[in-house]
N, C-alpha and C. Protein backbone atom coordinates (compact mmCIF):
# COMPACT_ATOMS: atom_id res chain seq x y z
N MET A 1 0.70 -1.38 0.10
CA MET A 1 0.13 0.12 0.16
C MET A 1 0.80 0.98 0.25
N PRO A 2 1.04 1.91 -0.92
CA PRO A 2 1.43 3.90 -0.72
C PRO A 2 1.40 4.26 0.02
N GLN A 3 2.03 4.69 0.78
CA GLN A 3 2.17 5.74 1.53
C GLN A 3 1.46 7.16 1.04
N LYS A 4 1.05 7.72 2.11
CA LYS A 4 0.63 9.05 1.72
C LYS A 4 1.70 9.71 1.95
N THR A 5 2.12 11.25 0.98
CA THR A 5 2.40 11.92 1.56
C THR A 5 2.66 13.45 2.37
N PRO A 6 2.88 13.61 2.91
CA PRO A 6 2.44 14.83 4.49
C PRO A 6 2.33 15.93 2.75
N HIS A 7 1.32 16.60 3.36
CA HIS A 7 1.03 18.10 2.76
C HIS A 7 2.61 18.65 3.30
N LYS A 8 2.40 19.73 2.08
CA LYS A 8 3.56 20.78 2.04
C LYS A 8 2.43 22.01 2.63
N GLN A 9 3.19 22.79 3.21
CA GLN A 9 2.42 23.53 3.49
C GLN A 9 2.58 24.84 2.73
N ARG A 10 2.15 25.42 2.14
CA ARG A 10 1.81 26.79 1.59
C ARG A 10 2.83 27.69 1.82
N ARG A 11 3.56 28.15 0.90
CA ARG A 11 4.26 29.93 1.01
C ARG A 11 3.92 30.78 0.45
N ALA A 12 2.68 31.87 0.91
CA ALA A 12 3.47 32.99 0.42
C ALA A 12 4.74 34.12 -0.51
N LYS A 13 3.92 35.06 -1.51
CA LYS A 13 5.62 35.24 -2.36
C LYS A 13 6.67 35.76 -1.17
N ASN A 14 6.30 36.16 -0.30
CA ASN A 14 7.30 37.01 0.73
C ASN A 14 7.76 35.84 1.54
N GLY A 15 7.69 34.13 1.65
CA GLY A 15 7.91 33.39 2.09
C GLY A 15 7.00 33.15 3.39
N ALA A 16 6.28 33.72 3.97
CA ALA A 16 5.36 33.64 5.39
C ALA A 16 4.81 32.51 4.47
N PRO A 17 4.28 31.46 6.09
CA PRO A 17 3.49 30.65 5.37
C PRO A 17 1.72 31.16 5.22
N LYS A 18 1.59 30.22 4.29
CA LYS A 18 0.07 30.93 3.89
C LYS A 18 -0.80 30.93 4.98
N SER A 19 -1.89 31.19 5.16
CA SER A 19 -3.00 31.47 6.14
C SER A 19 -4.18 30.54 5.44
N ARG A 20 -4.98 29.90 6.08
CA ARG A 20 -5.94 29.05 5.41
C ARG A 20 -7.07 29.28 5.68
N ALA A 21 -7.42 30.62 6.87
CA ALA A 21 -8.71 31.55 6.49
C ALA A 21 -8.87 31.99 6.03
N ARG A 22 -10.45 31.85 5.60
CA ARG A 22 -11.30 32.36 4.73
C ARG A 22 -11.15 34.12 4.74
N PRO A 23 -11.31 35.17 3.39
CA PRO A 23 -11.42 36.33 3.63
C PRO A 23 -12.94 37.18 4.14
N ALA A 24 -12.99 38.03 5.02
CA ALA A 24 -13.81 38.41 6.10
C ALA A 24 -15.16 38.41 4.94
N ARG A 25 -16.68 38.16 5.11
CA ARG A 25 -16.99 38.14 4.55
C ARG A 25 -17.71 39.18 5.12
N ALA A 26 -18.90 40.06 3.70
CA ALA A 26 -19.52 41.07 3.46
C ALA A 26 -20.25 41.77 5.60
N VAL A 27 -20.55 40.29 6.30
CA VAL A 27 -21.19 40.76 7.57
C VAL A 27 -20.59 40.80 8.39
N ASP A 28 -18.85 40.13 8.36
CA ASP A 28 -17.87 40.30 8.75
C ASP A 28 -17.18 41.74 9.46
N GLN A 29 -17.47 42.38 7.81
CA GLN A 29 -16.94 43.42 7.40
C GLN A 29 -16.76 44.80 8.32
N ASP A 30 -16.29 46.36 8.02
CA ASP A 30 -16.37 47.36 8.61
C ASP A 30 -17.71 48.01 8.09
N PRO A 31 -18.56 48.13 9.04
CA PRO A 31 -20.06 49.17 8.29
C PRO A 31 -20.01 49.95 7.68
N ALA A 32 -18.32 50.47 7.65
CA ALA A 32 -18.20 51.52 6.14
C ALA A 32 -17.81 50.40 4.84
N ASN A 33 -17.21 49.93 4.84
CA ASN A 33 -17.01 49.09 3.71
C ASN A 33 -17.77 47.50 3.58
N ARG A 34 -19.33 47.38 4.36
CA ARG A 34 -20.14 46.81 4.18
C ARG A 34 -20.69 46.90 2.44
N PRO A 35 -21.11 45.95 1.46
CA PRO A 35 -22.21 46.52 0.36
C PRO A 35 -22.88 46.67 0.47
N GLY A 36 -23.81 46.14 2.03
CA GLY A 36 -25.10 46.81 2.00
C GLY A 36 -25.59 47.75 3.24
N VAL A 37 -24.61 48.35 3.42
CA VAL A 37 -25.16 49.16 4.30
C VAL A 37 -26.25 50.58 4.05
N PRO A 38 -25.69 50.94 3.07
CA PRO A 38 -26.86 51.86 2.22
C PRO A 38 -27.83 51.12 1.97
N MET A 39 -28.28 50.44 2.41
CA MET A 39 -29.74 49.36 2.71
C MET A 39 -30.67 49.68 3.61
N GLU A 40 -29.66 49.27 4.56
CA GLU A 40 -29.98 49.88 5.45
C GLU A 40 -30.16 50.61 7.10
N THR A 41 -30.24 51.53 5.79
CA THR A 41 -30.01 52.93 6.05
C THR A 41 -31.68 53.44 6.04
N ALA A 42 -32.01 55.03 6.62
CA ALA A 42 -33.30 55.01 5.99
C ALA A 42 -33.34 55.91 5.08
N PRO A 43 -34.31 56.29 4.20
CA PRO A 43 -34.18 56.65 2.63
C PRO A 43 -34.17 58.32 3.04
N ARG A 44 -33.90 59.00 2.09
CA ARG A 44 -33.62 60.19 2.28
C ARG A 44 -33.16 60.87 0.85
N PRO A 45 -34.03 61.78 0.61
CA PRO A 45 -34.28 62.62 -0.62
C PRO A 45 -32.76 62.98 -1.59
N LEU A 46 -32.85 62.82 -2.81
CA LEU A 46 -31.58 63.28 -3.06
C LEU A 46 -31.46 65.00 -3.19
N ALA A 47 -30.10 65.15 -3.51
CA ALA A 47 -29.65 67.10 -2.88
C ALA A 47 -31.06 67.35 -4.24
N GLY A 48 -30.79 66.98 -4.79
CA GLY A 48 -31.79 69.18 -5.89
C GLY A 48 -32.94 67.04 -6.50
N ALA A 49 -33.75 66.92 -4.92
CA ALA A 49 -35.17 66.57 -5.61
C ALA A 49 -36.37 67.30 -5.15
N ARG A 50 -37.44 67.53 -6.15
CA ARG A 50 -38.26 68.95 -5.69
C ARG A 50 -39.59 68.14 -4.02
N VAL A 51 -39.90 68.92 -3.92
CA VAL A 51 -40.75 68.77 -2.99
C VAL A 51 -41.74 67.11 -3.03
N PRO A 52 -41.56 66.27 -1.96
CA PRO A 52 -42.74 65.07 -2.14
C PRO A 52 -44.05 65.67 -2.96
N ILE A 53 -43.92 64.62 -3.05
CA ILE A 53 -45.39 64.25 -4.58
C ILE A 53 -46.09 63.89 -3.02
N ALA A 54 -47.48 64.86 -3.49
CA ALA A 54 -48.45 64.99 -2.90
C ALA A 54 -49.36 63.15 -3.12
N PRO A 55 -50.27 62.86 -1.65
CA PRO A 55 -50.81 61.16 -2.04
C PRO A 55 -51.63 61.56 -3.28
N GLN A 56 -51.97 61.17 -4.10
CA GLN A 56 -53.49 60.76 -4.95
C GLN A 56 -54.34 60.05 -4.13
N HIS A 57 -55.31 61.14 -4.57
CA HIS A 57 -56.84 60.33 -3.95
C HIS A 57 -57.81 59.36 -5.41
N ALA A 58 -57.97 58.30 -4.60
CA ALA A 58 -58.57 57.95 -5.78
C ALA A 58 -59.92 57.95 -5.90
N GLU A 59 -61.31 58.41 -6.61
CA GLU A 59 -62.73 58.22 -6.82
C GLU A 59 -63.68 56.97 -7.14
N VAL A 60 -62.12 55.69 -7.41
CA VAL A 60 -62.80 54.47 -7.69
C VAL A 60 -62.07 53.78 -7.03
N PRO A 61 -62.72 52.21 -6.93
CA PRO A 61 -61.87 51.33 -5.65
C PRO A 61 -60.83 50.88 -6.46
N VAL A 62 -59.79 50.98 -5.75
CA VAL A 62 -58.33 50.28 -5.60
C VAL A 62 -57.66 49.85 -4.80
N PHE A 63 -57.50 48.53 -5.50
CA PHE A 63 -56.74 47.17 -4.54
C PHE A 63 -55.62 47.48 -4.25
N LYS A 64 -55.39 47.21 -2.89
CA LYS A 64 -53.95 47.15 -2.17
C LYS A 64 -53.60 45.80 -1.47
N HIS A 65 -52.21 45.14 -1.14
CA HIS A 65 -52.13 44.45 -0.96
C HIS A 65 -52.02 44.28 0.16
N ALA A 66 -52.53 43.29 1.44
CA ALA A 66 -53.24 42.96 3.24
C ALA A 66 -51.68 43.51 3.85
N GLY A 67 -50.53 43.50 3.67
CA GLY A 67 -49.66 43.27 3.84
C GLY A 67 -48.89 45.15 3.76
N ARG A 68 -49.41 46.10 2.90
CA ARG A 68 -48.90 47.34 2.11
C ARG A 68 -50.00 48.40 3.54
N LYS A 69 -49.55 49.05 4.31
CA LYS A 69 -50.07 50.04 4.87
C LYS A 69 -50.93 51.18 4.35
N GLU A 70 -49.97 51.37 3.62
CA GLU A 70 -50.40 53.21 2.41
C GLU A 70 -50.63 52.82 1.14
N MET A 71 -51.08 53.25 0.98
CA MET A 71 -50.94 52.82 -1.17
C MET A 71 -49.61 54.20 -1.29
N PRO A 72 -48.52 53.58 -2.49
CA PRO A 72 -47.75 54.51 -3.53
C PRO A 72 -48.40 55.90 -3.51
N PRO A 73 -47.14 56.63 -3.31
CA PRO A 73 -48.16 58.32 -4.25
C PRO A 73 -49.18 57.93 -4.91
N VAL A 74 -48.16 57.72 -6.61
CA VAL A 74 -49.06 57.28 -7.52
C VAL A 74 -49.17 55.83 -7.82
N PHE A 75 -50.71 55.57 -7.84
CA PHE A 75 -50.78 54.70 -9.42
C PHE A 75 -52.20 54.62 -9.24
N GLY A 76 -52.28 53.27 -10.89
CA GLY A 76 -53.18 53.21 -11.68
C GLY A 76 -55.08 53.42 -11.17
N THR A 77 -55.74 54.03 -11.96
CA THR A 77 -57.08 54.22 -11.61
C THR A 77 -57.40 54.49 -13.23
N ALA A 78 -56.85 53.87 -14.24
CA ALA A 78 -57.57 54.25 -15.22
C ALA A 78 -58.49 52.99 -15.71
N GLN A 79 -58.03 52.23 -15.09
CA GLN A 79 -58.64 50.68 -15.74
C GLN A 79 -59.96 50.33 -14.26
N PRO A 80 -60.48 50.75 -13.88
CA PRO A 80 -60.83 50.41 -12.58
C PRO A 80 -61.69 48.81 -12.19
N PRO A 81 -61.89 48.44 -11.71
CA PRO A 81 -62.56 46.61 -11.49
C PRO A 81 -63.80 46.70 -11.84
N LYS A 82 -64.31 45.58 -12.69
CA LYS A 82 -65.85 45.79 -12.33
C LYS A 82 -66.19 44.47 -13.26
N GLY A 83 -67.61 43.86 -13.23
CA GLY A 83 -67.87 42.87 -13.87
C GLY A 83 -67.01 42.08 -12.31
N LEU A 84 -67.51 40.32 -13.67
CA LEU A 84 -67.00 38.96 -12.69
C LEU A 84 -65.30 39.59 -12.55
N SER A 85 -64.60 39.99 -13.41
CA SER A 85 -63.25 39.82 -13.12
C SER A 85 -62.84 41.05 -12.05
N GLY A 86 -63.76 41.96 -11.91
CA GLY A 86 -63.31 42.68 -10.40
C GLY A 86 -64.18 42.02 -9.72
N LEU A 87 -64.95 41.24 -9.39
CA LEU A 87 -65.49 40.61 -7.59
C LEU A 87 -63.63 39.04 -7.81
N LEU A 88 -63.18 38.65 -9.12
CA LEU A 88 -62.28 37.68 -8.87
C LEU A 88 -61.10 38.30 -8.06
N ARG A 89 -60.52 39.75 -9.22
CA ARG A 89 -59.33 40.03 -8.26
C ARG A 89 -59.71 40.84 -6.24
N LYS A 90 -61.11 41.05 -5.94
CA LYS A 90 -60.85 41.42 -4.84
C LYS A 90 -61.01 40.54 -4.01
N ALA A 91 -62.08 39.27 -4.59
CA ALA A 91 -61.16 38.06 -3.52
C ALA A 91 -59.84 37.90 -3.07
N ALA A 92 -58.92 37.66 -4.70
CA ALA A 92 -57.92 38.15 -4.18
C ALA A 92 -57.34 38.45 -3.59
N TYR A 93 -56.94 39.87 -3.58
CA TYR A 93 -56.22 40.89 -2.33
C TYR A 93 -56.64 40.47 -1.34
N ALA A 94 -57.81 39.63 -1.30
CA ALA A 94 -58.36 39.39 -0.17
C ALA A 94 -57.64 38.58 0.84
N LYS A 95 -56.94 37.57 0.18
CA LYS A 95 -55.42 36.64 0.14
C LYS A 95 -54.18 37.22 0.47
N PRO A 96 -53.34 37.28 1.15
CA PRO A 96 -51.94 37.46 1.55
C PRO A 96 -51.20 36.95 0.34
N ASP A 97 -50.03 38.12 -0.43
CA ASP A 97 -50.29 37.60 -1.79
C ASP A 97 -49.27 37.01 -1.77
N HIS A 98 -48.76 35.80 -1.16
CA HIS A 98 -47.57 35.02 -0.85
C HIS A 98 -47.85 33.63 -0.43
N LYS A 99 -49.89 33.69 -0.62
CA LYS A 99 -50.04 32.64 -1.08
C LYS A 99 -50.52 32.03 -2.29
N PRO A 100 -50.45 31.03 -2.74
CA PRO A 100 -50.35 30.49 -4.43
C PRO A 100 -52.24 30.83 -4.72
N GLY A 101 -52.89 30.43 -4.17
CA GLY A 101 -54.11 31.28 -4.63
C GLY A 101 -55.04 32.79 -4.63
N HIS A 102 -54.22 33.66 -4.34
CA HIS A 102 -53.62 35.49 -4.74
C HIS A 102 -54.10 35.33 -6.30
N TRP A 103 -52.27 34.96 -6.74
CA TRP A 103 -51.60 34.43 -8.10
C TRP A 103 -52.80 34.13 -8.88
N MET A 104 -53.34 32.59 -8.26
CA MET A 104 -54.35 32.47 -9.39
C MET A 104 -55.39 32.55 -9.92
N LEU A 105 -56.10 34.05 -8.54
CA LEU A 105 -57.32 34.17 -8.42
C LEU A 105 -56.78 35.68 -9.75
N LEU A 106 -56.28 35.93 -9.67
CA LEU A 106 -55.23 37.16 -10.56
C LEU A 106 -55.34 36.81 -11.74
N LEU A 107 -54.82 35.91 -12.14
CA LEU A 107 -54.35 34.88 -13.26
C LEU A 107 -56.27 34.84 -14.00
N LEU A 108 -56.76 33.93 -13.23
CA LEU A 108 -58.30 34.09 -13.82
C LEU A 108 -58.85 35.11 -14.02
N ALA A 109 -58.15 36.57 -13.43
CA ALA A 109 -59.75 37.62 -13.36
C ALA A 109 -58.48 38.16 -14.51
N ASP A 110 -57.64 38.07 -14.65
CA ASP A 110 -56.87 38.70 -16.08
C ASP A 110 -57.65 38.02 -17.37
N ARG A 111 -57.80 36.74 -17.62
CA ARG A 111 -58.33 35.86 -18.30
C ARG A 111 -60.14 36.59 -18.10
N VAL A 112 -61.20 36.11 -17.72
CA VAL A 112 -62.04 36.66 -17.41
C VAL A 112 -62.54 37.79 -17.97
N ASP A 113 -61.55 38.88 -17.73
CA ASP A 113 -61.80 40.03 -18.63
C ASP A 113 -61.49 40.33 -19.81
N VAL A 114 -60.53 39.31 -20.06
CA VAL A 114 -60.70 39.13 -21.66
C VAL A 114 -61.17 38.75 -21.94
N TRP A 115 -62.99 37.72 -21.97
CA TRP A 115 -63.43 37.32 -22.48
C TRP A 115 -64.89 38.30 -21.83
N GLU A 116 -64.89 38.92 -21.01
CA GLU A 116 -65.90 39.88 -20.48
C GLU A 116 -65.48 41.67 -21.89
N HIS A 117 -64.45 41.29 -22.30
CA HIS A 117 -64.13 42.42 -23.05
C HIS A 117 -64.96 41.51 -24.70
N ARG A 118 -64.24 40.79 -24.86
CA ARG A 118 -64.86 39.88 -26.07
C ARG A 118 -66.09 40.15 -26.37
N LEU A 119 -66.60 40.00 -24.92
CA LEU A 119 -68.76 39.64 -25.29
C LEU A 119 -68.97 41.62 -25.21
N ARG A 120 -68.47 41.87 -24.75
CA ARG A 120 -68.86 43.52 -24.66
C ARG A 120 -68.53 44.41 -26.22
N ARG A 121 -67.34 43.43 -26.85
CA ARG A 121 -67.16 44.24 -27.89
C ARG A 121 -68.05 43.81 -29.23
N SER A 122 -68.86 42.25 -28.97
CA SER A 122 -69.30 42.23 -29.99
C SER A 122 -71.11 41.93 -29.69
N LEU A 123 -70.88 41.79 -28.84
CA LEU A 123 -72.53 42.32 -28.21
C LEU A 123 -73.44 43.13 -29.66
N PRO A 124 -73.18 44.54 -30.22
CA PRO A 124 -73.97 45.79 -31.02
C PRO A 124 -74.01 44.54 -32.46
N TRP A 125 -72.97 43.56 -32.83
CA TRP A 125 -73.52 43.24 -33.61
C TRP A 125 -73.66 41.34 -33.76
N ALA A 126 -73.65 41.60 -32.88
CA ALA A 126 -74.27 39.72 -32.38
C ALA A 126 -75.86 39.76 -31.91
N ALA A 127 -76.07 40.39 -31.37
CA ALA A 127 -77.38 40.58 -30.87
C ALA A 127 -78.25 41.11 -32.61
N PRO A 128 -78.00 41.99 -33.50
CA PRO A 128 -79.00 42.16 -34.38
C PRO A 128 -79.00 41.13 -34.97
N SER A 129 -78.07 40.48 -35.47
CA SER A 129 -77.27 39.43 -36.05
C SER A 129 -78.21 38.39 -35.73
N THR A 130 -78.34 37.76 -34.25
CA THR A 130 -79.20 37.08 -33.70
C THR A 130 -80.47 36.69 -33.96
N ALA A 131 -80.95 38.21 -34.15
CA ALA A 131 -82.32 38.54 -33.65
C ALA A 131 -82.88 38.05 -35.51
N ALA A 132 -82.04 38.82 -36.12
CA ALA A 132 -82.17 38.21 -37.67
C ALA A 132 -82.44 36.48 -38.06
N LEU A 133 -81.04 36.06 -37.52
CA LEU A 133 -81.70 34.84 -37.87
C LEU A 133 -82.62 34.09 -37.89
N LEU A 134 -83.02 34.41 -36.17
CA LEU A 134 -84.72 33.75 -35.71
C LEU A 134 -85.69 34.14 -36.45
N ALA A 135 -85.69 35.42 -36.83
CA ALA A 135 -86.82 36.06 -37.85
C ALA A 135 -86.55 35.23 -38.92
N GLY A 136 -85.45 35.47 -39.30
CA GLY A 136 -85.70 33.83 -40.83
C GLY A 136 -86.17 33.00 -40.66
N GLY A 137 -85.68 32.62 -39.58
CA GLY A 137 -86.24 30.93 -38.90
C GLY A 137 -87.57 30.83 -39.00
N LEU A 138 -88.20 31.59 -38.14
CA LEU A 138 -89.50 32.21 -38.18
C LEU A 138 -90.30 32.38 -39.24
N ILE A 139 -89.80 33.01 -40.28
CA ILE A 139 -90.72 32.98 -41.32
C ILE A 139 -90.29 31.64 -42.55
N TRP A 140 -89.67 31.06 -42.29
CA TRP A 140 -89.35 29.96 -43.22
C TRP A 140 -90.44 29.10 -42.65
N ARG A 141 -90.42 28.39 -41.13
CA ARG A 141 -91.22 27.65 -40.03
C ARG A 141 -93.41 28.17 -41.35
N VAL A 142 -93.42 29.70 -41.51
CA VAL A 142 -94.28 30.00 -41.65
C VAL A 142 -94.52 29.39 -43.47
N ARG A 143 -93.45 30.32 -43.91
CA ARG A 143 -93.76 29.79 -45.52
C ARG A 143 -93.83 28.39 -45.49
N ARG A 144 -93.15 27.37 -44.28
CA ARG A 144 -93.20 26.12 -45.37
C ARG A 144 -94.47 25.43 -44.50
N ALA A 145 -95.22 25.70 -44.11
CA ALA A 145 -96.03 25.18 -43.58
C ALA A 145 -97.47 25.09 -44.21
């Protein structure tokens, strides 16, 4: 059985033995040198920033996540929730956003919204054409009898 050779101690360029200790991680460093320190401090406006944005007030219902205490200063109100898709969105925002059911209901609400739009878009021509087909069928039956 071959014998194992002892490990040679590695030497640095200056001849001193190399240390096997790992370099300091970011958590162990001085806070002035840590990469995450800017995120750990309270946010401040930039030097040339204008006055703070006034909070927006909505006249239509706007849903927010359950964990959020207040709305952001600006949010969208162009497409208010309506119909069955609006009810599904309301049910989705009643659930916490870390649950899959929250996101699945939002996806379902998007699909339902598409079908509601298609139905709304097709009503102007679907109703008259359906009436014409029914009237044509009645006329054909009367003539045939």
